[in-house]
PDB file of N, CA and C in Angstrom:
ATOM      1  N   MET A   1      24.788  18.060 -16.509  1.00  0.00           N
ATOM      2  CA  MET A   1      23.550  18.640 -15.732  1.00  0.00           C
ATOM      3  C   MET A   1      23.169  17.471 -15.010  1.00  0.00           C
ATOM      4  N   ARG A   2      22.864  18.245 -13.663  1.00  0.00           N
ATOM      5  CA  ARG A   2      22.111  17.126 -12.629  1.00  0.00           C
ATOM      6  C   ARG A   2      20.672  17.080 -12.728  1.00  0.00           C
ATOM      7  N   ARG A   3      19.909  16.042 -12.635  1.00  0.00           N
ATOM      8  CA  ARG A   3      18.489  15.878 -12.641  1.00  0.00           C
ATOM      9  C   ARG A   3      18.097  16.074 -11.161  1.00  0.00           C
ATOM     10  N   TRP A   4      16.808  16.631 -10.922  1.00  0.00           N
ATOM     11  CA  TRP A   4      16.159  16.495  -9.987  1.00  0.00           C
ATOM     12  C   TRP A   4      15.505  15.200  -9.772  1.00  0.00           C
ATOM     13  N   SER A   5      15.561  14.922  -8.229  1.00  0.00           N
ATOM     14  CA  SER A   5      15.086  13.669  -7.887  1.00  0.00           C
ATOM     15  C   SER A   5      14.251  13.776  -6.508  1.00  0.00           C
ATOM     16  N   ALA A   6      13.317  12.984  -6.081  1.00  0.00           N
ATOM     17  CA  ALA A   6      12.614  13.058  -4.863  1.00  0.00           C
ATOM     18  C   ALA A   6      13.568  12.787  -3.717  1.00  0.00           C
ATOM     19  N   PRO A   7      13.442  13.475  -2.544  1.00  0.00           N
ATOM     20  CA  PRO A   7      14.135  12.825  -1.602  1.00  0.00           C
ATOM     21  C   PRO A   7      13.974  11.327  -1.222  1.00  0.00           C
ATOM     22  N   ASP A   8      15.079  10.781  -0.695  1.00  0.00           N
ATOM     23  CA  ASP A   8      14.875   9.005  -0.439  1.00  0.00           C
ATOM     24  C   ASP A   8      13.702   8.654   0.367  1.00  0.00           C
ATOM     25  N   ASN A   9      13.211   9.665   1.223  1.00  0.00           N
ATOM     26  CA  ASN A   9      12.057   9.176   2.051  1.00  0.00           C
ATOM     27  C   ASN A   9      10.706   9.612   1.598  1.00  0.00           C
ATOM     28  N   ALA A  10      10.527  10.147   0.443  1.00  0.00           N
ATOM     29  CA  ALA A  10       9.536  10.350  -0.495  1.00  0.00           C
ATOM     30  C   ALA A  10       8.799   8.948  -0.585  1.00  0.00           C
ATOM     31  N   GLY A  11       9.530   8.152  -1.348  1.00  0.00           N
ATOM     32  CA  GLY A  11       8.771   6.862  -1.800  1.00  0.00           C
ATOM     33  C   GLY A  11       8.425   6.161  -0.464  1.00  0.00           C
ATOM     34  N   ARG A  12       9.198   6.292   0.509  1.00  0.00           N
ATOM     35  CA  ARG A  12       8.607   5.593   2.040  1.00  0.00           C
ATOM     36  C   ARG A  12       7.308   6.124   2.337  1.00  0.00           C
ATOM     37  N   ALA A  13       7.350   7.446   2.291  1.00  0.00           N
ATOM     38  CA  ALA A  13       6.142   8.134   2.459  1.00  0.00           C
ATOM     39  C   ALA A  13       4.795   7.833   1.767  1.00  0.00           C
ATOM     40  N   GLU A  14       5.023   7.769   0.466  1.00  0.00           N
ATOM     41  CA  GLU A  14       4.134   7.428  -0.519  1.00  0.00           C
ATOM     42  C   GLU A  14       3.639   5.834  -0.120  1.00  0.00           C
ATOM     43  N   ASP A  15       4.661   5.074  -0.077  1.00  0.00           N
ATOM     44  CA  ASP A  15       4.309   3.819   0.421  1.00  0.00           C
ATOM     45  C   ASP A  15       3.399   3.390   1.420  1.00  0.00           C
ATOM     46  N   GLU A  16       3.853   4.465   2.450  1.00  0.00           N
ATOM     47  CA  GLU A  16       2.782   4.207   3.890  1.00  0.00           C
ATOM     48  C   GLU A  16       1.336   4.673   3.290  1.00  0.00           C
ATOM     49  N   ARG A  17       1.493   5.863   2.587  1.00  0.00           N
ATOM     50  CA  ARG A  17       0.012   6.257   2.291  1.00  0.00           C
ATOM     51  C   ARG A  17      -0.776   5.099   1.676  1.00  0.00           C
ATOM     52  N   PHE A  18      -0.091   4.281   0.603  1.00  0.00           N
ATOM     53  CA  PHE A  18      -0.897   3.269  -0.141  1.00  0.00           C
ATOM     54  C   PHE A  18      -0.989   1.998   0.785  1.00  0.00           C
ATOM     55  N   LEU A  19      -0.322   1.757   1.872  1.00  0.00           N
ATOM     56  CA  LEU A  19      -0.421   0.572   2.643  1.00  0.00           C
ATOM     57  C   LEU A  19      -1.621   0.678   3.721  1.00  0.00           C
ATOM     58  N   GLU A  20      -1.777   2.282   4.054  1.00  0.00           N
ATOM     59  CA  GLU A  20      -2.941   2.661   4.899  1.00  0.00           C
ATOM     60  C   GLU A  20      -4.195   2.560   4.170  1.00  0.00           C
ATOM     61  N   ALA A  21      -4.231   3.030   2.906  1.00  0.00           N
ATOM     62  CA  ALA A  21      -5.454   2.995   1.959  1.00  0.00           C
ATOM     63  C   ALA A  21      -5.673   1.666   1.595  1.00  0.00           C
ATOM     64  N   MET A  22      -4.898   0.830   1.283  1.00  0.00           N
ATOM     65  CA  MET A  22      -5.131  -0.643   1.160  1.00  0.00           C
ATOM     66  C   MET A  22      -6.002  -1.091   2.717  1.00  0.00           C
ATOM     67  N   HIS A  23      -5.390  -0.949   3.847  1.00  0.00           N
ATOM     68  CA  HIS A  23      -5.795  -1.492   4.886  1.00  0.00           C
ATOM     69  C   HIS A  23      -7.308  -1.136   4.977  1.00  0.00           C
ATOM     70  N   ARG A  24      -7.438   0.261   4.938  1.00  0.00           N
ATOM     71  CA  ARG A  24      -8.801   0.836   4.891  1.00  0.00           C
ATOM     72  C   ARG A  24      -9.902   0.423   3.882  1.00  0.00           C
ATOM     73  N   HIS A  25      -9.288   0.106   2.661  1.00  0.00           N
ATOM     74  CA  HIS A  25     -10.098  -0.563   1.751  1.00  0.00           C
ATOM     75  C   HIS A  25     -10.531  -2.018   2.287  1.00  0.00           C
ATOM     76  N   GLU A  26      -9.718  -2.871   2.450  1.00  0.00           N
ATOM     77  CA  GLU A  26      -9.574  -4.269   2.510  1.00  0.00           C
ATOM     78  C   GLU A  26     -10.369  -4.738   4.026  1.00  0.00           C
ATOM     79  N   VAL A  27      -9.810  -3.937   5.185  1.00  0.00           N
ATOM     80  CA  VAL A  27     -10.193  -4.184   6.380  1.00  0.00           C
ATOM     81  C   VAL A  27     -11.567  -3.339   6.652  1.00  0.00           C
ATOM     82  N   ASP A  28     -11.533  -2.020   6.542  1.00  0.00           N
ATOM     83  CA  ASP A  28     -12.459  -1.100   6.825  1.00  0.00           C
ATOM     84  C   ASP A  28     -13.687  -1.292   6.011  1.00  0.00           C
ATOM     85  N   GLY A  29     -13.320  -1.685   4.576  1.00  0.00           N
ATOM     86  CA  GLY A  29     -14.554  -1.593   3.693  1.00  0.00           C
ATOM     87  C   GLY A  29     -14.433  -0.310   3.313  1.00  0.00           C
ATOM     88  N   MET A  30     -13.649   0.576   3.000  1.00  0.00           N
ATOM     89  CA  MET A  30     -13.950   1.978   2.446  1.00  0.00           C
ATOM     90  C   MET A  30     -13.856   2.048   0.925  1.00  0.00           C
ATOM     91  N   SER A  31     -14.480   2.803   0.643  1.00  0.00           N
ATOM     92  CA  SER A  31     -14.843   2.488  -1.016  1.00  0.00           C
ATOM     93  C   SER A  31     -13.551   3.533  -1.449  1.00  0.00           C
ATOM     94  N   PHE A  32     -13.422   3.219  -2.764  1.00  0.00           N
ATOM     95  CA  PHE A  32     -12.228   4.048  -3.639  1.00  0.00           C
ATOM     96  C   PHE A  32     -12.656   5.275  -3.779  1.00  0.00           C
ATOM     97  N   ALA A  33     -13.875   5.790  -3.750  1.00  0.00           N
ATOM     98  CA  ALA A  33     -14.484   7.033  -4.102  1.00  0.00           C
ATOM     99  C   ALA A  33     -13.991   7.626  -2.637  1.00  0.00           C
ATOM    100  N   VAL A  34     -14.150   7.224  -1.572  1.00  0.00           N
ATOM    101  CA  VAL A  34     -13.750   8.001  -0.153  1.00  0.00           C
ATOM    102  C   VAL A  34     -12.181   8.050   0.029  1.00  0.00           C
ATOM    103  N   LEU A  35     -11.605   6.890  -0.517  1.00  0.00           N
ATOM    104  CA  LEU A  35     -10.095   6.818  -0.572  1.00  0.00           C
ATOM    105  C   LEU A  35      -9.367   8.069  -1.278  1.00  0.00           C
ATOM    106  N   ALA A  36     -10.127   7.999  -2.373  1.00  0.00           N
ATOM    107  CA  ALA A  36      -9.619   9.022  -3.328  1.00  0.00           C
ATOM    108  C   ALA A  36      -9.632  10.495  -2.783  1.00  0.00           C
ATOM    109  N   ARG A  37     -10.778  11.014  -2.264  1.00  0.00           N
ATOM    110  CA  ARG A  37     -10.955  12.153  -1.737  1.00  0.00           C
ATOM    111  C   ARG A  37      -9.982  12.250  -0.441  1.00  0.00           C
ATOM    112  N   ASP A  38      -9.743  11.283   0.447  1.00  0.00           N
ATOM    113  CA  ASP A  38      -8.895  11.294   1.677  1.00  0.00           C
ATOM    114  C   ASP A  38      -7.377  11.458   1.024  1.00  0.00           C
ATOM    115  N   LEU A  39      -7.002  11.033  -0.177  1.00  0.00           N
ATOM    116  CA  LEU A  39      -5.814  11.017  -0.745  1.00  0.00           C
ATOM    117  C   LEU A  39      -5.539  12.165  -1.580  1.00  0.00           C
ATOM    118  N   CYS A  40      -6.646  12.854  -1.776  1.00  0.00           N
ATOM    119  CA  CYS A  40      -6.444  13.961  -2.877  1.00  0.00           C
ATOM    120  C   CYS A  40      -6.130  13.657  -4.251  1.00  0.00           C
ATOM    121  N   ARG A  41      -6.694  12.321  -4.534  1.00  0.00           N
ATOM    122  CA  ARG A  41      -6.502  11.974  -5.948  1.00  0.00           C
ATOM    123  C   ARG A  41      -7.898  11.642  -6.696  1.00  0.00           C
ATOM    124  N   SER A  42      -7.822  11.323  -7.700  1.00  0.00           N
ATOM    125  CA  SER A  42      -9.152  10.651  -8.502  1.00  0.00           C
ATOM    126  C   SER A  42      -9.342   9.280  -8.214  1.00  0.00           C
ATOM    127  N   ARG A  43     -10.610   8.881  -8.196  1.00  0.00           N
ATOM    128  CA  ARG A  43     -10.973   7.483  -7.933  1.00  0.00           C
ATOM    129  C   ARG A  43     -10.263   6.580  -8.799  1.00  0.00           C
ATOM    130  N   ALA A  44     -10.218   7.077 -10.214  1.00  0.00           N
ATOM    131  CA  ALA A  44      -9.544   6.267 -11.327  1.00  0.00           C
ATOM    132  C   ALA A  44      -7.885   6.092 -10.725  1.00  0.00           C
ATOM    133  N   ALA A  45      -7.336   7.227 -10.229  1.00  0.00           N
ATOM    134  CA  ALA A  45      -5.963   7.074  -9.571  1.00  0.00           C
ATOM    135  C   ALA A  45      -5.697   5.926  -8.638  1.00  0.00           C
ATOM    136  N   VAL A  46      -6.917   6.003  -7.759  1.00  0.00           N
ATOM    137  CA  VAL A  46      -6.827   4.909  -6.660  1.00  0.00           C
ATOM    138  C   VAL A  46      -7.226   3.538  -7.253  1.00  0.00           C
ATOM    139  N   CYS A  47      -8.061   3.344  -7.933  1.00  0.00           N
ATOM    140  CA  CYS A  47      -8.244   2.238  -8.804  1.00  0.00           C
ATOM    141  C   CYS A  47      -7.080   1.811  -9.520  1.00  0.00           C
ATOM    142  N   GLY A  48      -6.499   2.617 -10.248  1.00  0.00           N
ATOM    143  CA  GLY A  48      -5.120   2.039 -10.412  1.00  0.00           C
ATOM    144  C   GLY A  48      -4.121   1.881  -9.918  1.00  0.00           C
ATOM    145  N   MET A  49      -3.985   2.519  -8.646  1.00  0.00           N
ATOM    146  CA  MET A  49      -2.737   2.050  -7.527  1.00  0.00           C
ATOM    147  C   MET A  49      -3.222   0.479  -7.169  1.00  0.00           C
ATOM    148  N   PHE A  50      -4.486   0.407  -6.793  1.00  0.00           N
ATOM    149  CA  PHE A  50      -4.933  -1.276  -6.694  1.00  0.00           C
ATOM    150  C   PHE A  50      -4.303  -2.254  -7.890  1.00  0.00           C
ATOM    151  N   LYS A  51      -4.879  -1.876  -8.698  1.00  0.00           N
ATOM    152  CA  LYS A  51      -4.547  -2.775 -10.126  1.00  0.00           C
ATOM    153  C   LYS A  51      -3.388  -2.977 -10.070  1.00  0.00           C
ATOM    154  N   ARG A  52      -2.522  -2.032 -10.113  1.00  0.00           N
ATOM    155  CA  ARG A  52      -0.916  -2.228 -10.223  1.00  0.00           C
ATOM    156  C   ARG A  52      -0.435  -3.220  -9.103  1.00  0.00           C
ATOM    157  N   VAL A  53      -0.894  -3.080  -8.121  1.00  0.00           N
ATOM    158  CA  VAL A  53      -0.425  -3.949  -6.805  1.00  0.00           C
ATOM    159  C   VAL A  53      -1.213  -5.581  -7.036  1.00  0.00           C
ATOM    160  N   ARG A  54      -2.062  -5.519  -7.662  1.00  0.00           N
ATOM    161  CA  ARG A  54      -2.790  -6.717  -7.763  1.00  0.00           C
ATOM    162  C   ARG A  54      -2.061  -7.430  -9.259  1.00  0.00           C
ATOM    163  N   ASP A  55      -1.736  -6.645 -10.212  1.00  0.00           N
ATOM    164  CA  ASP A  55      -0.998  -7.414 -11.371  1.00  0.00           C
ATOM    165  C   ASP A  55       0.359  -7.507 -10.745  1.00  0.00           C
ATOM    166  N   ALA A  56       1.245  -7.110  -9.936  1.00  0.00           N
ATOM    167  CA  ALA A  56       2.422  -7.378  -9.217  1.00  0.00           C
ATOM    168  C   ALA A  56       2.382  -8.355  -8.392  1.00  0.00           C
ATOM    169  N   GLU A  57       1.337  -8.840  -8.038  1.00  0.00           N
ATOM    170  CA  GLU A  57       1.193  -9.863  -6.941  1.00  0.00           C
ATOM    171  C   GLU A  57       2.158 -11.098  -7.144  1.00  0.00           C
ATOM    172  N   GLN A  58       2.953 -11.932  -6.676  1.00  0.00           N
ATOM    173  CA  GLN A  58       3.566 -13.125  -6.785  1.00  0.00           C
ATOM    174  C   GLN A  58       3.057 -14.330  -5.707  1.00  0.00           C
ATOM    175  N   PRO A  59       3.557 -15.153  -6.053  1.00  0.00           N
ATOM    176  CA  PRO A  59       2.944 -16.297  -5.003  1.00  0.00           C
ATOM    177  C   PRO A  59       3.844 -16.113  -3.804  1.00  0.00           C
ATOM    178  N   CYS A  60       3.383 -16.675  -2.641  1.00  0.00           N
ATOM    179  CA  CYS A  60       4.453 -16.743  -1.536  1.00  0.00           C
ATOM    180  C   CYS A  60       5.633 -17.568  -1.896  1.00  0.00           C
ATOM    181  N   GLN A  61       6.748 -17.275  -1.449  1.00  0.00           N
ATOM    182  CA  GLN A  61       8.024 -17.782  -1.698  1.00  0.00           C
ATOM    183  C   GLN A  61       8.668 -18.402  -0.215  1.00  0.00           C
ATOM    184  N   CYS A  62       8.054 -18.318   0.484  1.00  0.00           N
ATOM    185  CA  CYS A  62       8.442 -18.917   1.956  1.00  0.00           C
ATOM    186  C   CYS A  62       8.795 -20.112   1.739  1.00  0.00           C
ATOM    187  N   VAL A  63       9.719 -20.430   2.559  1.00  0.00           N
ATOM    188  CA  VAL A  63      10.380 -21.791   2.458  1.00  0.00           C
ATOM    189  C   VAL A  63       9.880 -22.595   3.721  1.00  0.00           C
ATOM    190  N   ASN A  64       9.775 -21.806   4.860  1.00  0.00           N
ATOM    191  CA  ASN A  64       9.065 -22.381   6.012  1.00  0.00           C
ATOM    192  C   ASN A  64       7.684 -22.402   6.135  1.00  0.00           C
ATOM    193  N   PRO A  65       6.867 -23.411   6.596  1.00  0.00           N
ATOM    194  CA  PRO A  65       5.287 -23.552   6.738  1.00  0.00           C
ATOM    195  C   PRO A  65       5.073 -22.354   7.854  1.00  0.00           C
ATOM    196  N   GLU A  66       5.848 -22.242   8.591  1.00  0.00           N
ATOM    197  CA  GLU A  66       5.198 -21.465   9.821  1.00  0.00           C
ATOM    198  C   GLU A  66       5.491 -19.826   9.287  1.00  0.00           C
ATOM    199  N   ASN A  67       5.993 -19.344   8.538  1.00  0.00           N
ATOM    200  CA  ASN A  67       6.173 -18.186   7.863  1.00  0.00           C
ATOM    201  C   ASN A  67       4.873 -18.104   6.984  1.00  0.00           C
ATOM    202  N   ARG A  68       3.790 -18.909   6.785  1.00  0.00           N
ATOM    203  CA  ARG A  68       2.760 -18.842   5.738  1.00  0.00           C
ATOM    204  C   ARG A  68       1.529 -18.737   6.961  1.00  0.00           C
ATOM    205  N   ASP A  69       1.573 -18.138   7.909  1.00  0.00           N
ATOM    206  CA  ASP A  69       0.392 -18.314   9.062  1.00  0.00           C
ATOM    207  C   ASP A  69      -0.364 -17.129   8.673  1.00  0.00           C
ATOM    208  N   GLY A  70       0.010 -15.981   8.102  1.00  0.00           N
ATOM    209  CA  GLY A  70      -0.848 -14.667   8.140  1.00  0.00           C
ATOM    210  C   GLY A  70      -0.420 -14.021   9.383  1.00  0.00           C
ATOM    211  N   GLY A  71       0.829 -14.227  10.150  1.00  0.00           N
ATOM    212  CA  GLY A  71       1.054 -13.816  11.230  1.00  0.00           C
ATOM    213  C   GLY A  71       1.429 -12.489  11.450  1.00  0.00           C
ATOM    214  N   MET A  72       1.170 -11.577  10.208  1.00  0.00           N
ATOM    215  CA  MET A  72       1.863  -9.918  10.412  1.00  0.00           C
ATOM    216  C   MET A  72       0.667  -9.423  10.917  1.00  0.00           C
ATOM    217  N   PRO A  73       0.840  -8.633  11.949  1.00  0.00           N
ATOM    218  CA  PRO A  73      -0.126  -7.738  12.553  1.00  0.00           C
ATOM    219  C   PRO A  73      -0.950  -6.632  11.605  1.00  0.00           C
ATOM    220  N   PRO A  74      -2.033  -6.142  11.559  1.00  0.00           N
ATOM    221  CA  PRO A  74      -2.222  -5.224  11.043  1.00  0.00           C
ATOM    222  C   PRO A  74      -1.629  -3.873  11.096  1.00  0.00           C
ATOM    223  N   ARG A  75      -1.441  -3.393  10.065  1.00  0.00           N
ATOM    224  CA  ARG A  75      -0.584  -1.979  10.044  1.00  0.00           C
ATOM    225  C   ARG A  75       0.596  -2.301  10.581  1.00  0.00           C
ATOM    226  N   TRP A  76       1.270  -3.518   9.907  1.00  0.00           N
ATOM    227  CA  TRP A  76       2.780  -3.755  10.330  1.00  0.00           C
ATOM    228  C   TRP A  76       3.517  -2.710   9.823  1.00  0.00           C
ATOM    229  N   TRP A  77       3.386  -1.806   9.060  1.00  0.00           N
ATOM    230  CA  TRP A  77       4.133  -0.928   8.306  1.00  0.00           C
ATOM    231  C   TRP A  77       4.602   0.186   9.321  1.00  0.00           C
ATOM    232  N   ARG A  78       3.451   0.442  10.152  1.00  0.00           N
ATOM    233  CA  ARG A  78       3.749   1.926  11.008  1.00  0.00           C
ATOM    234  C   ARG A  78       4.810   1.478  11.940  1.00  0.00           C
ATOM    235  N   LYS A  79       5.592   2.404  12.300  1.00  0.00           N
ATOM    236  CA  LYS A  79       6.887   2.898  12.774  1.00  0.00           C
ATOM    237  C   LYS A  79       6.435   2.637  14.596  1.00  0.00           C
ATOM    238  N   CYS A  80       5.364   3.395  14.861  1.00  0.00           N
ATOM    239  CA  CYS A  80       4.866   3.423  16.145  1.00  0.00           C
ATOM    240  C   CYS A  80       3.494   2.874  16.343  1.00  0.00           C
ATOM    241  N   PRO A  81       3.111   1.838  17.316  1.00  0.00           N
ATOM    242  CA  PRO A  81       1.842   1.261  17.246  1.00  0.00           C
ATOM    243  C   PRO A  81       0.815   2.556  17.537  1.00  0.00           C
TER     244      PRO A  81
END
């Protein structure tokens, strides 16, 4: 029996939505309540997403010091500027 699975790009789209939400919260100062409304989710669901990311954070494992300069531009995950 074959099980249903989401298309390969579904994970990417969800990741991009979450990265955008992180940017809007951390850079633009948008509240979890507003993000929840925009994402069509509950505030608790948005808080949970942020908590899971914080809990999974790992220390930087960059070997070269020049890679630790915070040089990634805002919204680096977007394909088009």
